[in-house]
Amino acid sequence: MYLKISEEALAKLAPYDTEDTVFVLDLDDGVGKYSKMGVCSLDTSFRLLVLNKEQERSDYEESIKSDAGEIYIKEYSKIYMAEEMTLAVDPRLQVLKLESPSGTLDNNVPIVDLRSAADQ
């Protein structure tokens, strides 16, 4: 499984990317420490979480390769993903969108920086 990240999306991630950063592609389904609510519809909702390496991420036991390095995921979220996916910037709305060859998985993937939560 591979996540291609466009140049524009990499530019949006650059301010968050340090040597201590871990990226998590979170299926926001209400499961896990960082998920506050699940989606009560037929839509899938992903978020790109920004964590420090020392922050707990046991809910994200799998990882996928990407242009930004290793990205952690919930193992069961793979059922929504394809072998090749793309994280790109919507040119009109300037938000991240997650796509596969069969279509759009999520047309608004927010970046959620949870690194300050580690200090609390």
PDB file of N, CA and C in Angstrom:
ATOM      1  N   MET A   1       0.850  -1.172   0.000  1.00  0.00           N
ATOM      2  CA  MET A   1       0.000   0.000   0.000  1.00  0.00           C
ATOM      3  C   MET A   1       0.902   1.243   0.000  1.00  0.00           C
ATOM      4  N   TYR A   2       0.567   2.202  -0.844  1.00  0.00           N
ATOM      5  CA  TYR A   2       1.379   3.413  -0.960  1.00  0.00           C
ATOM      6  C   TYR A   2       0.469   4.636  -1.074  1.00  0.00           C
ATOM      7  N   LEU A   3       0.865   5.698  -0.387  1.00  0.00           N
ATOM      8  CA  LEU A   3       0.145   6.966  -0.443  1.00  0.00           C
ATOM      9  C   LEU A   3       1.015   7.993  -1.156  1.00  0.00           C
ATOM     10  N   LYS A   4       0.633   8.324  -2.377  1.00  0.00           N
ATOM     11  CA  LYS A   4       1.315   9.369  -3.137  1.00  0.00           C
ATOM     12  C   LYS A   4       0.824  10.712  -2.607  1.00  0.00           C
ATOM     13  N   ILE A   5       1.754  11.582  -2.262  1.00  0.00           N
ATOM     14  CA  ILE A   5       1.399  12.902  -1.748  1.00  0.00           C
ATOM     15  C   ILE A   5       1.882  13.936  -2.754  1.00  0.00           C
ATOM     16  N   SER A   6       0.966  14.742  -3.243  1.00  0.00           N
ATOM     17  CA  SER A   6       1.312  15.738  -4.259  1.00  0.00           C
ATOM     18  C   SER A   6       2.273  16.784  -3.681  1.00  0.00           C
ATOM     19  N   GLU A   7       2.942  17.485  -4.560  1.00  0.00           N
ATOM     20  CA  GLU A   7       3.864  18.553  -4.135  1.00  0.00           C
ATOM     21  C   GLU A   7       3.135  19.620  -3.318  1.00  0.00           C
ATOM     22  N   GLU A   8       1.917  19.964  -3.737  1.00  0.00           N
ATOM     23  CA  GLU A   8       1.139  20.973  -3.015  1.00  0.00           C
ATOM     24  C   GLU A   8       0.768  20.490  -1.617  1.00  0.00           C
ATOM     25  N   ALA A   9       0.414  19.210  -1.503  1.00  0.00           N
ATOM     26  CA  ALA A   9       0.074  18.647  -0.191  1.00  0.00           C
ATOM     27  C   ALA A   9       1.318  18.550   0.687  1.00  0.00           C
ATOM     28  N   LEU A  10       2.455  18.181   0.104  1.00  0.00           N
ATOM     29  CA  LEU A  10       3.711  18.153   0.872  1.00  0.00           C
ATOM     30  C   LEU A  10       4.049  19.541   1.406  1.00  0.00           C
ATOM     31  N   ALA A  11       3.763  20.568   0.623  1.00  0.00           N
ATOM     32  CA  ALA A  11       4.011  21.949   1.075  1.00  0.00           C
ATOM     33  C   ALA A  11       3.130  22.285   2.273  1.00  0.00           C
ATOM     34  N   LYS A  12       1.890  21.792   2.292  1.00  0.00           N
ATOM     35  CA  LYS A  12       1.005  22.030   3.443  1.00  0.00           C
ATOM     36  C   LYS A  12       1.489  21.276   4.691  1.00  0.00           C
ATOM     37  N   LEU A  13       2.131  20.133   4.488  1.00  0.00           N
ATOM     38  CA  LEU A  13       2.633  19.334   5.614  1.00  0.00           C
ATOM     39  C   LEU A  13       3.982  19.823   6.128  1.00  0.00           C
ATOM     40  N   ALA A  14       4.717  20.548   5.307  1.00  0.00           N
ATOM     41  CA  ALA A  14       6.082  20.966   5.649  1.00  0.00           C
ATOM     42  C   ALA A  14       6.202  21.690   6.996  1.00  0.00           C
ATOM     43  N   PRO A  15       5.293  22.605   7.365  1.00  0.00           N
ATOM     44  CA  PRO A  15       5.438  23.285   8.657  1.00  0.00           C
ATOM     45  C   PRO A  15       5.329  22.346   9.866  1.00  0.00           C
ATOM     46  N   TYR A  16       4.737  21.185   9.676  1.00  0.00           N
ATOM     47  CA  TYR A  16       4.550  20.228  10.772  1.00  0.00           C
ATOM     48  C   TYR A  16       5.651  19.170  10.822  1.00  0.00           C
ATOM     49  N   ASP A  17       6.392  19.028   9.744  1.00  0.00           N
ATOM     50  CA  ASP A  17       7.321  17.912   9.580  1.00  0.00           C
ATOM     51  C   ASP A  17       8.683  18.221  10.186  1.00  0.00           C
ATOM     52  N   THR A  18       8.934  17.640  11.364  1.00  0.00           N
ATOM     53  CA  THR A  18      10.241  17.725  12.013  1.00  0.00           C
ATOM     54  C   THR A  18      10.756  16.305  12.214  1.00  0.00           C
ATOM     55  N   GLU A  19      11.952  16.160  12.737  1.00  0.00           N
ATOM     56  CA  GLU A  19      12.483  14.808  12.942  1.00  0.00           C
ATOM     57  C   GLU A  19      11.729  14.059  14.036  1.00  0.00           C
ATOM     58  N   ASP A  20      10.970  14.756  14.877  1.00  0.00           N
ATOM     59  CA  ASP A  20      10.182  14.109  15.928  1.00  0.00           C
ATOM     60  C   ASP A  20       8.717  13.893  15.542  1.00  0.00           C
ATOM     61  N   THR A  21       8.339  14.250  14.314  1.00  0.00           N
ATOM     62  CA  THR A  21       6.948  14.171  13.886  1.00  0.00           C
ATOM     63  C   THR A  21       6.588  12.777  13.408  1.00  0.00           C
ATOM     64  N   VAL A  22       5.372  12.364  13.770  1.00  0.00           N
ATOM     65  CA  VAL A  22       4.760  11.143  13.254  1.00  0.00           C
ATOM     66  C   VAL A  22       3.420  11.544  12.649  1.00  0.00           C
ATOM     67  N   PHE A  23       3.167  11.102  11.430  1.00  0.00           N
ATOM     68  CA  PHE A  23       1.880  11.356  10.786  1.00  0.00           C
ATOM     69  C   PHE A  23       1.000  10.119  10.904  1.00  0.00           C
ATOM     70  N   VAL A  24      -0.272  10.347  11.172  1.00  0.00           N
ATOM     71  CA  VAL A  24      -1.266   9.281  11.300  1.00  0.00           C
ATOM     72  C   VAL A  24      -2.442   9.630  10.392  1.00  0.00           C
ATOM     73  N   LEU A  25      -2.802   8.708   9.503  1.00  0.00           N
ATOM     74  CA  LEU A  25      -4.003   8.876   8.697  1.00  0.00           C
ATOM     75  C   LEU A  25      -5.117   8.166   9.454  1.00  0.00           C
ATOM     76  N   ASP A  26      -5.901   8.956  10.159  1.00  0.00           N
ATOM     77  CA  ASP A  26      -6.895   8.444  11.095  1.00  0.00           C
ATOM     78  C   ASP A  26      -8.271   8.343  10.456  1.00  0.00           C
ATOM     79  N   LEU A  27      -8.832   7.137  10.479  1.00  0.00           N
ATOM     80  CA  LEU A  27     -10.238   6.964  10.149  1.00  0.00           C
ATOM     81  C   LEU A  27     -11.000   7.416  11.382  1.00  0.00           C
ATOM     82  N   ASP A  28     -11.678   8.557  11.296  1.00  0.00           N
ATOM     83  CA  ASP A  28     -12.353   9.137  12.456  1.00  0.00           C
ATOM     84  C   ASP A  28     -13.694   8.442  12.668  1.00  0.00           C
ATOM     85  N   ASP A  29     -13.629   7.321  13.392  1.00  0.00           N
ATOM     86  CA  ASP A  29     -14.802   6.472  13.582  1.00  0.00           C
ATOM     87  C   ASP A  29     -15.211   6.351  15.042  1.00  0.00           C
ATOM     88  N   GLY A  30     -14.645   7.179  15.911  1.00  0.00           N
ATOM     89  CA  GLY A  30     -14.999   7.133  17.320  1.00  0.00           C
ATOM     90  C   GLY A  30     -14.173   6.142  18.119  1.00  0.00           C
ATOM     91  N   VAL A  31     -13.250   5.443  17.476  1.00  0.00           N
ATOM     92  CA  VAL A  31     -12.424   4.452  18.152  1.00  0.00           C
ATOM     93  C   VAL A  31     -11.035   5.028  18.392  1.00  0.00           C
ATOM     94  N   GLY A  32     -10.565   4.944  19.613  1.00  0.00           N
ATOM     95  CA  GLY A  32      -9.202   5.348  19.922  1.00  0.00           C
ATOM     96  C   GLY A  32      -9.107   6.637  20.711  1.00  0.00           C
ATOM     97  N   LYS A  33      -7.918   6.848  21.233  1.00  0.00           N
ATOM     98  CA  LYS A  33      -7.626   7.974  22.114  1.00  0.00           C
ATOM     99  C   LYS A  33      -7.859   9.332  21.456  1.00  0.00           C
ATOM    100  N   TYR A  34      -7.568   9.462  20.172  1.00  0.00           N
ATOM    101  CA  TYR A  34      -7.607  10.764  19.511  1.00  0.00           C
ATOM    102  C   TYR A  34      -8.910  11.025  18.754  1.00  0.00           C
ATOM    103  N   SER A  35      -9.813  10.054  18.753  1.00  0.00           N
ATOM    104  CA  SER A  35     -11.077  10.211  18.040  1.00  0.00           C
ATOM    105  C   SER A  35     -12.156  10.617  19.031  1.00  0.00           C
ATOM    106  N   LYS A  36     -12.686  11.807  18.880  1.00  0.00           N
ATOM    107  CA  LYS A  36     -13.688  12.324  19.810  1.00  0.00           C
ATOM    108  C   LYS A  36     -15.100  11.919  19.419  1.00  0.00           C
ATOM    109  N   MET A  37     -15.296  11.655  18.134  1.00  0.00           N
ATOM    110  CA  MET A  37     -16.639  11.274  17.687  1.00  0.00           C
ATOM    111  C   MET A  37     -16.545  10.468  16.417  1.00  0.00           C
ATOM    112  N   GLY A  38     -17.501   9.604  16.235  1.00  0.00           N
ATOM    113  CA  GLY A  38     -17.578   8.817  15.018  1.00  0.00           C
ATOM    114  C   GLY A  38     -18.505   9.485  14.023  1.00  0.00           C
ATOM    115  N   VAL A  39     -18.473   8.984  12.842  1.00  0.00           N
ATOM    116  CA  VAL A  39     -19.340   9.510  11.803  1.00  0.00           C
ATOM    117  C   VAL A  39     -20.587   8.640  11.745  1.00  0.00           C
ATOM    118  N   CYS A  40     -21.736   9.250  11.881  1.00  0.00           N
ATOM    119  CA  CYS A  40     -23.010   8.521  11.888  1.00  0.00           C
ATOM    120  C   CYS A  40     -23.673   8.618  10.528  1.00  0.00           C
ATOM    121  N   SER A  41     -22.900   8.420   9.492  1.00  0.00           N
ATOM    122  CA  SER A  41     -23.450   8.456   8.146  1.00  0.00           C
ATOM    123  C   SER A  41     -22.734   7.406   7.321  1.00  0.00           C
ATOM    124  N   LEU A  42     -23.048   7.364   6.056  1.00  0.00           N
ATOM    125  CA  LEU A  42     -22.400   6.400   5.177  1.00  0.00           C
ATOM    126  C   LEU A  42     -21.068   6.909   4.661  1.00  0.00           C
ATOM    127  N   ASP A  43     -20.709   8.133   4.978  1.00  0.00           N
ATOM    128  CA  ASP A  43     -19.447   8.714   4.535  1.00  0.00           C
ATOM    129  C   ASP A  43     -18.300   8.206   5.395  1.00  0.00           C
ATOM    130  N   THR A  44     -17.126   8.119   4.792  1.00  0.00           N
ATOM    131  CA  THR A  44     -15.921   7.858   5.573  1.00  0.00           C
ATOM    132  C   THR A  44     -15.253   9.203   5.814  1.00  0.00           C
ATOM    133  N   SER A  45     -14.661   9.333   6.971  1.00  0.00           N
ATOM    134  CA  SER A  45     -14.032  10.590   7.342  1.00  0.00           C
ATOM    135  C   SER A  45     -12.618  10.300   7.838  1.00  0.00           C
ATOM    136  N   PHE A  46     -11.635  10.867   7.157  1.00  0.00           N
ATOM    137  CA  PHE A  46     -10.242  10.721   7.553  1.00  0.00           C
ATOM    138  C   PHE A  46      -9.712  12.056   8.042  1.00  0.00           C
ATOM    139  N   ARG A  47      -8.727  11.983   8.948  1.00  0.00           N
ATOM    140  CA  ARG A  47      -7.982  13.154   9.412  1.00  0.00           C
ATOM    141  C   ARG A  47      -6.506  12.790   9.361  1.00  0.00           C
ATOM    142  N   LEU A  48      -5.665  13.764   9.119  1.00  0.00           N
ATOM    143  CA  LEU A  48      -4.229  13.555   9.185  1.00  0.00           C
ATOM    144  C   LEU A  48      -3.753  14.128  10.508  1.00  0.00           C
ATOM    145  N   LEU A  49      -3.427  13.233  11.439  1.00  0.00           N
ATOM    146  CA  LEU A  49      -2.985  13.650  12.767  1.00  0.00           C
ATOM    147  C   LEU A  49      -1.476  13.856  12.766  1.00  0.00           C
ATOM    148  N   VAL A  50      -1.037  14.869  13.499  1.00  0.00           N
ATOM    149  CA  VAL A  50       0.381  15.149  13.675  1.00  0.00           C
ATOM    150  C   VAL A  50       0.705  14.867  15.139  1.00  0.00           C
ATOM    151  N   LEU A  51       1.587  13.891  15.376  1.00  0.00           N
ATOM    152  CA  LEU A  51       1.983  13.500  16.729  1.00  0.00           C
ATOM    153  C   LEU A  51       3.489  13.585  16.872  1.00  0.00           C
ATOM    154  N   ASN A  52       3.948  13.633  18.123  1.00  0.00           N
ATOM    155  CA  ASN A  52       5.363  13.444  18.419  1.00  0.00           C
ATOM    156  C   ASN A  52       5.638  11.952  18.475  1.00  0.00           C
ATOM    157  N   LYS A  53       6.866  11.556  18.229  1.00  0.00           N
ATOM    158  CA  LYS A  53       7.224  10.131  18.256  1.00  0.00           C
ATOM    159  C   LYS A  53       6.888   9.465  19.579  1.00  0.00           C
ATOM    160  N   GLU A  54       6.949  10.215  20.679  1.00  0.00           N
ATOM    161  CA  GLU A  54       6.706   9.604  21.990  1.00  0.00           C
ATOM    162  C   GLU A  54       5.225   9.535  22.369  1.00  0.00           C
ATOM    163  N   GLN A  55       4.355  10.151  21.578  1.00  0.00           N
ATOM    164  CA  GLN A  55       2.921  10.094  21.878  1.00  0.00           C
ATOM    165  C   GLN A  55       2.370   8.703  21.597  1.00  0.00           C
ATOM    166  N   GLU A  56       1.426   8.295  22.420  1.00  0.00           N
ATOM    167  CA  GLU A  56       0.820   6.977  22.331  1.00  0.00           C
ATOM    168  C   GLU A  56       0.061   6.829  21.014  1.00  0.00           C
ATOM    169  N   ARG A  57       0.296   5.714  20.318  1.00  0.00           N
ATOM    170  CA  ARG A  57      -0.397   5.463  19.058  1.00  0.00           C
ATOM    171  C   ARG A  57      -0.697   3.972  18.869  1.00  0.00           C
ATOM    172  N   SER A  58      -1.030   3.297  19.960  1.00  0.00           N
ATOM    173  CA  SER A  58      -1.287   1.859  19.886  1.00  0.00           C
ATOM    174  C   SER A  58      -2.518   1.519  19.044  1.00  0.00           C
ATOM    175  N   ASP A  59      -3.443   2.460  18.839  1.00  0.00           N
ATOM    176  CA  ASP A  59      -4.601   2.205  17.983  1.00  0.00           C
ATOM    177  C   ASP A  59      -4.206   2.139  16.510  1.00  0.00           C
ATOM    178  N   TYR A  60      -3.019   2.604  16.191  1.00  0.00           N
ATOM    179  CA  TYR A  60      -2.546   2.680  14.809  1.00  0.00           C
ATOM    180  C   TYR A  60      -1.407   1.676  14.635  1.00  0.00           C
ATOM    181  N   GLU A  61      -1.785   0.406  14.563  1.00  0.00           N
ATOM    182  CA  GLU A  61      -0.804  -0.677  14.578  1.00  0.00           C
ATOM    183  C   GLU A  61      -0.197  -0.979  13.213  1.00  0.00           C
ATOM    184  N   GLU A  62      -0.760  -0.429  12.160  1.00  0.00           N
ATOM    185  CA  GLU A  62      -0.254  -0.644  10.808  1.00  0.00           C
ATOM    186  C   GLU A  62       0.363   0.660  10.297  1.00  0.00           C
ATOM    187  N   SER A  63       1.169   0.529   9.258  1.00  0.00           N
ATOM    188  CA  SER A  63       1.699   1.719   8.607  1.00  0.00           C
ATOM    189  C   SER A  63       1.711   1.501   7.105  1.00  0.00           C
ATOM    190  N   ILE A  64       1.669   2.612   6.392  1.00  0.00           N
ATOM    191  CA  ILE A  64       1.783   2.578   4.939  1.00  0.00           C
ATOM    192  C   ILE A  64       2.915   3.504   4.536  1.00  0.00           C
ATOM    193  N   LYS A  65       3.500   3.220   3.409  1.00  0.00           N
ATOM    194  CA  LYS A  65       4.571   4.067   2.894  1.00  0.00           C
ATOM    195  C   LYS A  65       3.959   5.231   2.131  1.00  0.00           C
ATOM    196  N   SER A  66       4.687   6.353   2.161  1.00  0.00           N
ATOM    197  CA  SER A  66       4.204   7.542   1.458  1.00  0.00           C
ATOM    198  C   SER A  66       5.384   8.410   1.053  1.00  0.00           C
ATOM    199  N   ASP A  67       5.093   9.464   0.315  1.00  0.00           N
ATOM    200  CA  ASP A  67       6.120  10.434  -0.060  1.00  0.00           C
ATOM    201  C   ASP A  67       6.619  11.236   1.137  1.00  0.00           C
ATOM    202  N   ALA A  68       5.892  11.188   2.252  1.00  0.00           N
ATOM    203  CA  ALA A  68       6.307  11.878   3.483  1.00  0.00           C
ATOM    204  C   ALA A  68       6.871  10.879   4.502  1.00  0.00           C
ATOM    205  N   GLY A  69       7.161   9.675   4.070  1.00  0.00           N
ATOM    206  CA  GLY A  69       7.658   8.644   4.974  1.00  0.00           C
ATOM    207  C   GLY A  69       6.532   7.740   5.449  1.00  0.00           C
ATOM    208  N   GLU A  70       6.780   7.053   6.536  1.00  0.00           N
ATOM    209  CA  GLU A  70       5.811   6.114   7.080  1.00  0.00           C
ATOM    210  C   GLU A  70       4.632   6.859   7.703  1.00  0.00           C
ATOM    211  N   ILE A  71       3.414   6.413   7.382  1.00  0.00           N
ATOM    212  CA  ILE A  71       2.195   6.997   7.949  1.00  0.00           C
ATOM    213  C   ILE A  71       1.421   5.873   8.613  1.00  0.00           C
ATOM    214  N   TYR A  72       1.041   6.084   9.856  1.00  0.00           N
ATOM    215  CA  TYR A  72       0.351   5.049  10.632  1.00  0.00           C
ATOM    216  C   TYR A  72      -1.148   5.099  10.399  1.00  0.00           C
ATOM    217  N   ILE A  73      -1.769   3.914  10.454  1.00  0.00           N
ATOM    218  CA  ILE A  73      -3.217   3.786  10.259  1.00  0.00           C
ATOM    219  C   ILE A  73      -3.763   2.729  11.212  1.00  0.00           C
ATOM    220  N   LYS A  74      -5.074   2.754  11.417  1.00  0.00           N
ATOM    221  CA  LYS A  74      -5.753   1.654  12.105  1.00  0.00           C
ATOM    222  C   LYS A  74      -5.799   0.483  11.126  1.00  0.00           C
ATOM    223  N   GLU A  75      -5.495  -0.700  11.597  1.00  0.00           N
ATOM    224  CA  GLU A  75      -5.400  -1.868  10.715  1.00  0.00           C
ATOM    225  C   GLU A  75      -6.672  -2.062   9.895  1.00  0.00           C
ATOM    226  N   TYR A  76      -7.814  -1.954  10.533  1.00  0.00           N
ATOM    227  CA  TYR A  76      -9.065  -2.221   9.837  1.00  0.00           C
ATOM    228  C   TYR A  76      -9.469  -1.119   8.857  1.00  0.00           C
ATOM    229  N   SER A  77      -8.815   0.037   8.916  1.00  0.00           N
ATOM    230  CA  SER A  77      -9.164   1.107   7.972  1.00  0.00           C
ATOM    231  C   SER A  77      -8.694   0.782   6.558  1.00  0.00           C
ATOM    232  N   LYS A  78      -7.856  -0.253   6.408  1.00  0.00           N
ATOM    233  CA  LYS A  78      -7.387  -0.654   5.082  1.00  0.00           C
ATOM    234  C   LYS A  78      -8.535  -1.100   4.177  1.00  0.00           C
ATOM    235  N   ILE A  79      -9.661  -1.509   4.769  1.00  0.00           N
ATOM    236  CA  ILE A  79     -10.784  -1.949   3.929  1.00  0.00           C
ATOM    237  C   ILE A  79     -11.332  -0.812   3.064  1.00  0.00           C
ATOM    238  N   TYR A  80     -11.085   0.429   3.468  1.00  0.00           N
ATOM    239  CA  TYR A  80     -11.536   1.585   2.697  1.00  0.00           C
ATOM    240  C   TYR A  80     -10.500   2.058   1.684  1.00  0.00           C
ATOM    241  N   MET A  81      -9.292   1.523   1.792  1.00  0.00           N
ATOM    242  CA  MET A  81      -8.180   2.032   0.998  1.00  0.00           C
ATOM    243  C   MET A  81      -7.833   1.110  -0.166  1.00  0.00           C
ATOM    244  N   ALA A  82      -7.175   1.675  -1.151  1.00  0.00           N
ATOM    245  CA  ALA A  82      -6.683   0.923  -2.293  1.00  0.00           C
ATOM    246  C   ALA A  82      -5.174   0.757  -2.157  1.00  0.00           C
ATOM    247  N   GLU A  83      -4.601  -0.077  -2.987  1.00  0.00           N
ATOM    248  CA  GLU A  83      -3.150  -0.278  -2.960  1.00  0.00           C
ATOM    249  C   GLU A  83      -2.403   1.014  -3.270  1.00  0.00           C
ATOM    250  N   GLU A  84      -2.970   1.843  -4.121  1.00  0.00           N
ATOM    251  CA  GLU A  84      -2.362   3.122  -4.472  1.00  0.00           C
ATOM    252  C   GLU A  84      -3.383   4.221  -4.223  1.00  0.00           C
ATOM    253  N   MET A  85      -3.018   5.170  -3.383  1.00  0.00           N
ATOM    254  CA  MET A  85      -3.890   6.302  -3.066  1.00  0.00           C
ATOM    255  C   MET A  85      -3.103   7.589  -3.261  1.00  0.00           C
ATOM    256  N   THR A  86      -3.848   8.691  -3.295  1.00  0.00           N
ATOM    257  CA  THR A  86      -3.231  10.003  -3.469  1.00  0.00           C
ATOM    258  C   THR A  86      -3.818  10.970  -2.452  1.00  0.00           C
ATOM    259  N   LEU A  87      -2.935  11.744  -1.823  1.00  0.00           N
ATOM    260  CA  LEU A  87      -3.338  12.861  -0.975  1.00  0.00           C
ATOM    261  C   LEU A  87      -2.941  14.117  -1.739  1.00  0.00           C
ATOM    262  N   ALA A  88      -3.929  14.896  -2.124  1.00  0.00           N
ATOM    263  CA  ALA A  88      -3.676  16.077  -2.953  1.00  0.00           C
ATOM    264  C   ALA A  88      -4.461  17.257  -2.402  1.00  0.00           C
ATOM    265  N   VAL A  89      -4.179  18.427  -2.934  1.00  0.00           N
ATOM    266  CA  VAL A  89      -4.878  19.649  -2.543  1.00  0.00           C
ATOM    267  C   VAL A  89      -5.950  19.941  -3.579  1.00  0.00           C
ATOM    268  N   ASP A  90      -7.169  20.156  -3.118  1.00  0.00           N
ATOM    269  CA  ASP A  90      -8.241  20.583  -4.006  1.00  0.00           C
ATOM    270  C   ASP A  90      -7.922  22.002  -4.450  1.00  0.00           C
ATOM    271  N   PRO A  91      -7.741  22.246  -5.733  1.00  0.00           N
ATOM    272  CA  PRO A  91      -7.305  23.573  -6.186  1.00  0.00           C
ATOM    273  C   PRO A  91      -8.315  24.684  -5.893  1.00  0.00           C
ATOM    274  N   ARG A  92      -9.578  24.348  -5.835  1.00  0.00           N
ATOM    275  CA  ARG A  92     -10.601  25.367  -5.594  1.00  0.00           C
ATOM    276  C   ARG A  92     -10.750  25.691  -4.111  1.00  0.00           C
ATOM    277  N   LEU A  93     -10.793  24.653  -3.274  1.00  0.00           N
ATOM    278  CA  LEU A  93     -11.036  24.855  -1.845  1.00  0.00           C
ATOM    279  C   LEU A  93      -9.766  24.901  -0.994  1.00  0.00           C
ATOM    280  N   GLN A  94      -8.643  24.471  -1.554  1.00  0.00           N
ATOM    281  CA  GLN A  94      -7.352  24.447  -0.857  1.00  0.00           C
ATOM    282  C   GLN A  94      -7.374  23.546   0.385  1.00  0.00           C
ATOM    283  N   VAL A  95      -8.127  22.454   0.325  1.00  0.00           N
ATOM    284  CA  VAL A  95      -8.143  21.453   1.392  1.00  0.00           C
ATOM    285  C   VAL A  95      -7.549  20.166   0.841  1.00  0.00           C
ATOM    286  N   LEU A  96      -7.072  19.310   1.765  1.00  0.00           N
ATOM    287  CA  LEU A  96      -6.534  18.021   1.347  1.00  0.00           C
ATOM    288  C   LEU A  96      -7.672  17.068   1.003  1.00  0.00           C
ATOM    289  N   LYS A  97      -7.457  16.264  -0.030  1.00  0.00           N
ATOM    290  CA  LYS A  97      -8.429  15.244  -0.403  1.00  0.00           C
ATOM    291  C   LYS A  97      -7.694  13.925  -0.595  1.00  0.00           C
ATOM    292  N   LEU A  98      -8.349  12.848  -0.191  1.00  0.00           N
ATOM    293  CA  LEU A  98      -7.791  11.501  -0.273  1.00  0.00           C
ATOM    294  C   LEU A  98      -8.515  10.759  -1.384  1.00  0.00           C
ATOM    295  N   GLU A  99      -7.737  10.275  -2.365  1.00  0.00           N
ATOM    296  CA  GLU A  99      -8.328   9.634  -3.522  1.00  0.00           C
ATOM    297  C   GLU A  99      -7.683   8.289  -3.800  1.00  0.00           C
ATOM    298  N   SER A 100      -8.448   7.440  -4.451  1.00  0.00           N
ATOM    299  CA  SER A 100      -7.932   6.164  -4.941  1.00  0.00           C
ATOM    300  C   SER A 100      -8.279   6.087  -6.419  1.00  0.00           C
ATOM    301  N   PRO A 101      -7.780   5.094  -7.145  1.00  0.00           N
ATOM    302  CA  PRO A 101      -8.140   4.983  -8.563  1.00  0.00           C
ATOM    303  C   PRO A 101      -9.645   4.838  -8.799  1.00  0.00           C
ATOM    304  N   SER A 102     -10.380   4.351  -7.801  1.00  0.00           N
ATOM    305  CA  SER A 102     -11.818   4.176  -7.977  1.00  0.00           C
ATOM    306  C   SER A 102     -12.634   5.407  -7.587  1.00  0.00           C
ATOM    307  N   GLY A 103     -11.999   6.435  -7.015  1.00  0.00           N
ATOM    308  CA  GLY A 103     -12.720   7.653  -6.675  1.00  0.00           C
ATOM    309  C   GLY A 103     -12.220   8.309  -5.410  1.00  0.00           C
ATOM    310  N   THR A 104     -12.954   9.297  -4.954  1.00  0.00           N
ATOM    311  CA  THR A 104     -12.578  10.066  -3.775  1.00  0.00           C
ATOM    312  C   THR A 104     -13.019   9.349  -2.506  1.00  0.00           C
ATOM    313  N   LEU A 105     -12.074   9.152  -1.571  1.00  0.00           N
ATOM    314  CA  LEU A 105     -12.391   8.569  -0.273  1.00  0.00           C
ATOM    315  C   LEU A 105     -12.878   9.638   0.685  1.00  0.00           C
ATOM    316  N   ASP A 106     -12.235  10.808   0.663  1.00  0.00           N
ATOM    317  CA  ASP A 106     -12.625  11.913   1.537  1.00  0.00           C
ATOM    318  C   ASP A 106     -12.188  13.205   0.850  1.00  0.00           C
ATOM    319  N   ASN A 107     -13.127  14.120   0.662  1.00  0.00           N
ATOM    320  CA  ASN A 107     -12.789  15.363  -0.038  1.00  0.00           C
ATOM    321  C   ASN A 107     -12.386  16.502   0.892  1.00  0.00           C
ATOM    322  N   ASN A 108     -12.244  16.217   2.186  1.00  0.00           N
ATOM    323  CA  ASN A 108     -11.756  17.220   3.134  1.00  0.00           C
ATOM    324  C   ASN A 108     -11.057  16.509   4.291  1.00  0.00           C
ATOM    325  N   VAL A 109      -9.752  16.350   4.176  1.00  0.00           N
ATOM    326  CA  VAL A 109      -8.945  15.681   5.200  1.00  0.00           C
ATOM    327  C   VAL A 109      -8.209  16.762   5.992  1.00  0.00           C
ATOM    328  N   PRO A 110      -8.709  17.095   7.184  1.00  0.00           N
ATOM    329  CA  PRO A 110      -8.042  18.148   7.955  1.00  0.00           C
ATOM    330  C   PRO A 110      -6.723  17.671   8.556  1.00  0.00           C
ATOM    331  N   ILE A 111      -5.804  18.591   8.726  1.00  0.00           N
ATOM    332  CA  ILE A 111      -4.559  18.333   9.455  1.00  0.00           C
ATOM    333  C   ILE A 111      -4.818  18.739  10.899  1.00  0.00           C
ATOM    334  N   VAL A 112      -4.652  17.792  11.821  1.00  0.00           N
ATOM    335  CA  VAL A 112      -4.917  18.041  13.236  1.00  0.00           C
ATOM    336  C   VAL A 112      -3.615  17.859  14.004  1.00  0.00           C
ATOM    337  N   ASP A 113      -3.060  18.953  14.487  1.00  0.00           N
ATOM    338  CA  ASP A 113      -1.796  18.924  15.220  1.00  0.00           C
ATOM    339  C   ASP A 113      -2.070  18.644  16.692  1.00  0.00           C
ATOM    340  N   LEU A 114      -1.726  17.444  17.143  1.00  0.00           N
ATOM    341  CA  LEU A 114      -1.962  17.035  18.525  1.00  0.00           C
ATOM    342  C   LEU A 114      -0.672  16.999  19.349  1.00  0.00           C
ATOM    343  N   ARG A 115       0.379  17.588  18.838  1.00  0.00           N
ATOM    344  CA  ARG A 115       1.658  17.546  19.557  1.00  0.00           C
ATOM    345  C   ARG A 115       1.585  18.290  20.882  1.00  0.00           C
ATOM    346  N   SER A 116       0.851  19.401  20.959  1.00  0.00           N
ATOM    347  CA  SER A 116       0.766  20.128  22.228  1.00  0.00           C
ATOM    348  C   SER A 116      -0.016  19.337  23.264  1.00  0.00           C
ATOM    349  N   ALA A 117      -0.874  18.402  22.816  1.00  0.00           N
ATOM    350  CA  ALA A 117      -1.634  17.569  23.749  1.00  0.00           C
ATOM    351  C   ALA A 117      -0.691  16.664  24.549  1.00  0.00           C
ATOM    352  N   ALA A 118       0.488  16.385  24.004  1.00  0.00           N
ATOM    353  CA  ALA A 118       1.460  15.541  24.709  1.00  0.00           C
ATOM    354  C   ALA A 118       2.022  16.240  25.926  1.00  0.00           C
ATOM    355  N   ASP A 119       1.992  17.562  25.936  1.00  0.00           N
ATOM    356  CA  ASP A 119       2.544  18.330  27.053  1.00  0.00           C
ATOM    357  C   ASP A 119       1.557  18.463  28.222  1.00  0.00           C
ATOM    358  N   GLN A 120       0.306  18.069  28.004  1.00  0.00           N
ATOM    359  CA  GLN A 120      -0.721  18.251  29.028  1.00  0.00           C
ATOM    360  C   GLN A 120      -0.777  17.079  29.967  1.00  0.00           C
TER     361      GLN A 120
END
